[in-house]
């Protein structure tokens, strides 16, 4: 089963700064001065205010586990040799939530609210760096 090429994200022009930062093992997301809040996913106008004031700022990446599921069956053939998969939504300390995967953890140790830290996975073949999380 390991001979499948994993599907990889294809950055859009709007999201390119996010992916460029990940390639440098940094996390940059948008901030709206008018709304006084961080924003994710990347977009052209600030949510709520529709202001054209979004700027890219670096964040620490420190987060809490918001919710998760343990997938004992592969979500696609590409992941058949990586079970169980710990699919999660984390909440960055700066506010926004991010869908990701928990790595280097036992499913039994996962607990809502637990502290997490970022882990960067570089996929040289596709030129993409993926952001995952592990217990802090």
C-alpha atoms as a PDB file:
ATOM      1  CA  UNK A   1       0.000   0.000   0.000  1.00  0.00           C
ATOM      2  CA  UNK A   2       2.947   2.338   0.502  1.00  0.00           C
ATOM      3  CA  UNK A   3       3.407   2.947  -3.228  1.00  0.00           C
ATOM      4  CA  UNK A   4       0.641   5.555  -3.429  1.00  0.00           C
ATOM      5  CA  UNK A   5       1.702   9.157  -3.724  1.00  0.00           C
ATOM      6  CA  UNK A   6       0.056  11.084  -0.923  1.00  0.00           C
ATOM      7  CA  UNK A   7      -2.244  13.897  -1.967  1.00  0.00           C
ATOM      8  CA  UNK A   8      -0.527  17.194  -1.220  1.00  0.00           C
ATOM      9  CA  UNK A   9      -2.016  20.650  -0.834  1.00  0.00           C
ATOM     10  CA  UNK A  10      -1.662  23.022  -3.746  1.00  0.00           C
ATOM     11  CA  UNK A  11      -1.146  26.542  -2.405  1.00  0.00           C
ATOM     12  CA  UNK A  12      -3.394  29.257  -3.792  1.00  0.00           C
ATOM     13  CA  UNK A  13      -1.975  32.751  -4.357  1.00  0.00           C
ATOM     14  CA  UNK A  14      -3.897  33.956  -1.275  1.00  0.00           C
ATOM     15  CA  UNK A  15      -2.415  31.207   0.935  1.00  0.00           C
ATOM     16  CA  UNK A  16       1.120  31.247  -0.516  1.00  0.00           C
ATOM     17  CA  UNK A  17       2.665  33.253   2.387  1.00  0.00           C
ATOM     18  CA  UNK A  18       1.404  30.590   4.831  1.00  0.00           C
ATOM     19  CA  UNK A  19       3.092  27.787   2.854  1.00  0.00           C
ATOM     20  CA  UNK A  20       6.262  29.810   2.263  1.00  0.00           C
ATOM     21  CA  UNK A  21       6.603  30.323   6.034  1.00  0.00           C
ATOM     22  CA  UNK A  22       6.066  26.601   6.735  1.00  0.00           C
ATOM     23  CA  UNK A  23       8.919  25.817   4.337  1.00  0.00           C
ATOM     24  CA  UNK A  24      11.111  27.914   6.676  1.00  0.00           C
ATOM     25  CA  UNK A  25       9.628  26.083   9.716  1.00  0.00           C
ATOM     26  CA  UNK A  26       7.766  29.225  10.760  1.00  0.00           C
ATOM     27  CA  UNK A  27       4.028  29.832  11.099  1.00  0.00           C
ATOM     28  CA  UNK A  28       2.580  33.012   9.642  1.00  0.00           C
ATOM     29  CA  UNK A  29      -1.140  33.735   9.572  1.00  0.00           C
ATOM     30  CA  UNK A  30      -3.165  36.819   8.822  1.00  0.00           C
ATOM     31  CA  UNK A  31      -4.073  39.518  11.311  1.00  0.00           C
ATOM     32  CA  UNK A  32      -6.801  42.126  10.878  1.00  0.00           C
ATOM     33  CA  UNK A  33      -6.075  45.417  12.697  1.00  0.00           C
ATOM     34  CA  UNK A  34      -9.677  46.588  12.172  1.00  0.00           C
ATOM     35  CA  UNK A  35     -11.123  43.426  13.721  1.00  0.00           C
ATOM     36  CA  UNK A  36      -8.205  43.159  16.175  1.00  0.00           C
ATOM     37  CA  UNK A  37      -7.961  39.437  15.605  1.00  0.00           C
ATOM     38  CA  UNK A  38      -5.923  36.764  13.888  1.00  0.00           C
ATOM     39  CA  UNK A  39      -7.552  35.055  10.930  1.00  0.00           C
ATOM     40  CA  UNK A  40      -7.230  31.574   9.476  1.00  0.00           C
ATOM     41  CA  UNK A  41      -7.805  30.231   6.771  1.00  0.00           C
ATOM     42  CA  UNK A  42      -6.070  32.794   4.491  1.00  0.00           C
ATOM     43  CA  UNK A  43      -8.479  35.130   2.715  1.00  0.00           C
ATOM     44  CA  UNK A  44      -8.585  38.424   0.841  1.00  0.00           C
ATOM     45  CA  UNK A  45     -10.852  40.442   3.170  1.00  0.00           C
ATOM     46  CA  UNK A  46     -11.166  40.363   6.956  1.00  0.00           C
ATOM     47  CA  UNK A  47     -14.157  38.328   8.181  1.00  0.00           C
ATOM     48  CA  UNK A  48     -16.869  40.385   9.832  1.00  0.00           C
ATOM     49  CA  UNK A  49     -15.493  43.776   8.844  1.00  0.00           C
ATOM     50  CA  UNK A  50     -14.647  42.939   5.196  1.00  0.00           C
ATOM     51  CA  UNK A  51     -11.736  45.335   5.639  1.00  0.00           C
ATOM     52  CA  UNK A  52      -8.880  45.167   3.171  1.00  0.00           C
ATOM     53  CA  UNK A  53      -6.333  45.303   6.004  1.00  0.00           C
ATOM     54  CA  UNK A  54      -5.093  41.738   6.443  1.00  0.00           C
ATOM     55  CA  UNK A  55      -1.384  41.482   7.188  1.00  0.00           C
ATOM     56  CA  UNK A  56       0.812  38.433   7.685  1.00  0.00           C
ATOM     57  CA  UNK A  57       2.254  37.994  11.167  1.00  0.00           C
ATOM     58  CA  UNK A  58       4.362  35.232  12.651  1.00  0.00           C
ATOM     59  CA  UNK A  59       2.866  33.285  15.552  1.00  0.00           C
ATOM     60  CA  UNK A  60       4.523  30.849  17.953  1.00  0.00           C
ATOM     61  CA  UNK A  61       2.384  27.901  16.904  1.00  0.00           C
ATOM     62  CA  UNK A  62       1.737  26.959  20.527  1.00  0.00           C
ATOM     63  CA  UNK A  63      -1.748  25.479  20.735  1.00  0.00           C
ATOM     64  CA  UNK A  64      -4.309  23.500  22.709  1.00  0.00           C
ATOM     65  CA  UNK A  65      -6.144  20.421  21.522  1.00  0.00           C
ATOM     66  CA  UNK A  66      -9.663  21.561  20.605  1.00  0.00           C
ATOM     67  CA  UNK A  67     -11.058  18.242  19.337  1.00  0.00           C
ATOM     68  CA  UNK A  68      -9.782  15.014  17.795  1.00  0.00           C
ATOM     69  CA  UNK A  69     -10.729  11.663  16.367  1.00  0.00           C
ATOM     70  CA  UNK A  70      -8.734   8.449  16.199  1.00  0.00           C
ATOM     71  CA  UNK A  71      -9.028   6.895  12.736  1.00  0.00           C
ATOM     72  CA  UNK A  72      -8.426   3.147  12.886  1.00  0.00           C
ATOM     73  CA  UNK A  73      -9.398   2.742   9.237  1.00  0.00           C
ATOM     74  CA  UNK A  74      -7.479   4.619   6.558  1.00  0.00           C
ATOM     75  CA  UNK A  75      -9.202   7.770   5.311  1.00  0.00           C
ATOM     76  CA  UNK A  76      -7.619   7.001   1.912  1.00  0.00           C
ATOM     77  CA  UNK A  77      -5.389   4.216   0.523  1.00  0.00           C
ATOM     78  CA  UNK A  78      -2.346   6.511   0.893  1.00  0.00           C
ATOM     79  CA  UNK A  79      -2.605   6.280   4.691  1.00  0.00           C
ATOM     80  CA  UNK A  80      -3.139   2.527   5.092  1.00  0.00           C
ATOM     81  CA  UNK A  81       0.298   2.029   6.645  1.00  0.00           C
ATOM     82  CA  UNK A  82      -0.081   4.910   9.119  1.00  0.00           C
ATOM     83  CA  UNK A  83      -2.771   3.737  11.515  1.00  0.00           C
ATOM     84  CA  UNK A  84      -4.178   4.795  13.798  1.00  0.00           C
ATOM     85  CA  UNK A  85      -4.267   8.339  12.466  1.00  0.00           C
ATOM     86  CA  UNK A  86      -4.870  11.056  15.053  1.00  0.00           C
ATOM     87  CA  UNK A  87      -6.884  13.704  13.236  1.00  0.00           C
ATOM     88  CA  UNK A  88      -7.312  16.898  15.200  1.00  0.00           C
ATOM     89  CA  UNK A  89      -8.338  20.506  15.340  1.00  0.00           C
ATOM     90  CA  UNK A  90      -5.975  22.599  17.428  1.00  0.00           C
ATOM     91  CA  UNK A  91      -6.592  26.098  18.716  1.00  0.00           C
ATOM     92  CA  UNK A  92      -3.628  28.435  18.420  1.00  0.00           C
ATOM     93  CA  UNK A  93      -2.956  30.641  21.429  1.00  0.00           C
ATOM     94  CA  UNK A  94      -3.657  33.577  19.095  1.00  0.00           C
ATOM     95  CA  UNK A  95      -7.239  32.358  18.548  1.00  0.00           C
ATOM     96  CA  UNK A  96      -7.845  30.641  15.206  1.00  0.00           C
ATOM     97  CA  UNK A  97      -8.276  26.872  14.866  1.00  0.00           C
ATOM     98  CA  UNK A  98      -6.280  24.653  12.536  1.00  0.00           C
ATOM     99  CA  UNK A  99      -7.066  21.162  11.207  1.00  0.00           C
ATOM    100  CA  UNK A 100      -4.061  18.893  11.489  1.00  0.00           C
ATOM    101  CA  UNK A 101      -2.724  15.542  12.634  1.00  0.00           C
ATOM    102  CA  UNK A 102      -1.232  14.669  16.029  1.00  0.00           C
ATOM    103  CA  UNK A 103       2.077  12.791  15.821  1.00  0.00           C
ATOM    104  CA  UNK A 104       4.428  11.183  18.344  1.00  0.00           C
ATOM    105  CA  UNK A 105       1.522  10.518  20.707  1.00  0.00           C
ATOM    106  CA  UNK A 106      -0.426   7.560  22.050  1.00  0.00           C
ATOM    107  CA  UNK A 107      -4.186   7.946  21.432  1.00  0.00           C
ATOM    108  CA  UNK A 108      -4.762   7.146  25.120  1.00  0.00           C
ATOM    109  CA  UNK A 109      -2.795  10.229  26.217  1.00  0.00           C
ATOM    110  CA  UNK A 110      -4.848  12.692  24.164  1.00  0.00           C
ATOM    111  CA  UNK A 111      -6.977  15.029  26.232  1.00  0.00           C
ATOM    112  CA  UNK A 112      -9.065  18.017  25.156  1.00  0.00           C
ATOM    113  CA  UNK A 113      -7.260  21.195  26.180  1.00  0.00           C
ATOM    114  CA  UNK A 114      -3.806  19.579  26.390  1.00  0.00           C
ATOM    115  CA  UNK A 115      -0.886  21.723  25.270  1.00  0.00           C
ATOM    116  CA  UNK A 116       0.650  21.028  21.882  1.00  0.00           C
ATOM    117  CA  UNK A 117       3.654  22.222  19.931  1.00  0.00           C
ATOM    118  CA  UNK A 118       4.235  22.364  16.174  1.00  0.00           C
ATOM    119  CA  UNK A 119       6.198  19.788  14.184  1.00  0.00           C
ATOM    120  CA  UNK A 120       7.226  20.514  10.595  1.00  0.00           C
ATOM    121  CA  UNK A 121       7.305  17.741   7.980  1.00  0.00           C
ATOM    122  CA  UNK A 122       9.179  18.554   4.778  1.00  0.00           C
ATOM    123  CA  UNK A 123       8.148  16.634   1.653  1.00  0.00           C
ATOM    124  CA  UNK A 124      11.022  17.323  -0.729  1.00  0.00           C
ATOM    125  CA  UNK A 125       9.375  15.594  -3.694  1.00  0.00           C
ATOM    126  CA  UNK A 126       6.415  17.965  -3.681  1.00  0.00           C
ATOM    127  CA  UNK A 127       8.186  20.981  -2.185  1.00  0.00           C
ATOM    128  CA  UNK A 128       5.534  21.185   0.533  1.00  0.00           C
ATOM    129  CA  UNK A 129       6.000  21.416   4.305  1.00  0.00           C
ATOM    130  CA  UNK A 130       3.101  20.122   6.393  1.00  0.00           C
ATOM    131  CA  UNK A 131       2.316  21.397   9.888  1.00  0.00           C
ATOM    132  CA  UNK A 132       1.477  18.746  12.465  1.00  0.00           C
ATOM    133  CA  UNK A 133       1.370  18.769  16.254  1.00  0.00           C
ATOM    134  CA  UNK A 134       2.720  16.746  19.182  1.00  0.00           C
ATOM    135  CA  UNK A 135       2.254  16.913  22.951  1.00  0.00           C
ATOM    136  CA  UNK A 136       4.178  19.877  24.401  1.00  0.00           C
END
